[in-house]
Amino acid sequence: MPASSFCPPRHRRSHRRTRWDGVGPCPFLTTGALFRLAAKGAEAKRTAYGAGTPEERRVILDELAGVSLPSPSDLLPRATWRDAEWYLTARELCGLLLELRDAPALNGSPEPLVAVEGWRWTGYKGGSEVGVLNLSAAGITADGRVVCAILTANGDRLQPEDRLARLFSTLFRSAEKSR
């Protein structure tokens, strides 16, 4: 199935949206598609994508599929998340981390931000772009409890990554003390 065809089951109904409306992303963007939509020169396609129906979005993604990935200097230095972004709930992100816990990307050496001595497992995935910061972690404590923490910050400017990362790390690690 082409990436532009994928809609998570809860997102199959057609609708128009210009902002996140709680219905979610359809079709679900690949990383390459998101970067192509965030590139300089893609403003019209990004705006059309944000306002489009799932069918209109698929057409736009199919048109962009043959476009080379932009270099970092070709990405817009401003927030584009209102029109093109991955919109997943914290519950969905936690579920994905736990479902993928045996994947090599989540099963290597622990991320210092969320490593907790004695825990059976911790997994971390973070990401950022102008205006967006996401920090997601899940873990299994020494006594077998599942813990998950998600921090997502959206705005029009760069997010204060260092400050938010410290808060996130403290929150995640505090789960060991809460019983």
Foldseek 3Di string as FASTA:
>chain_A
DDLLQADPVQQPDKDFAQFDDPSFDASADDPQLLQLCQFPPNVVLLNCQSGDISVSVSVSSVVCVPPDGDDPVRGDQKDSVRRDDGDDDQVVLLVVCVVCCVPPQFPDDDDPLADDPQWPGKGWDWDDHFFKTKIKMWTAGNVGDIDIDIDIGGDTGHDPVVVVSNVRSVVNNCVNVPD
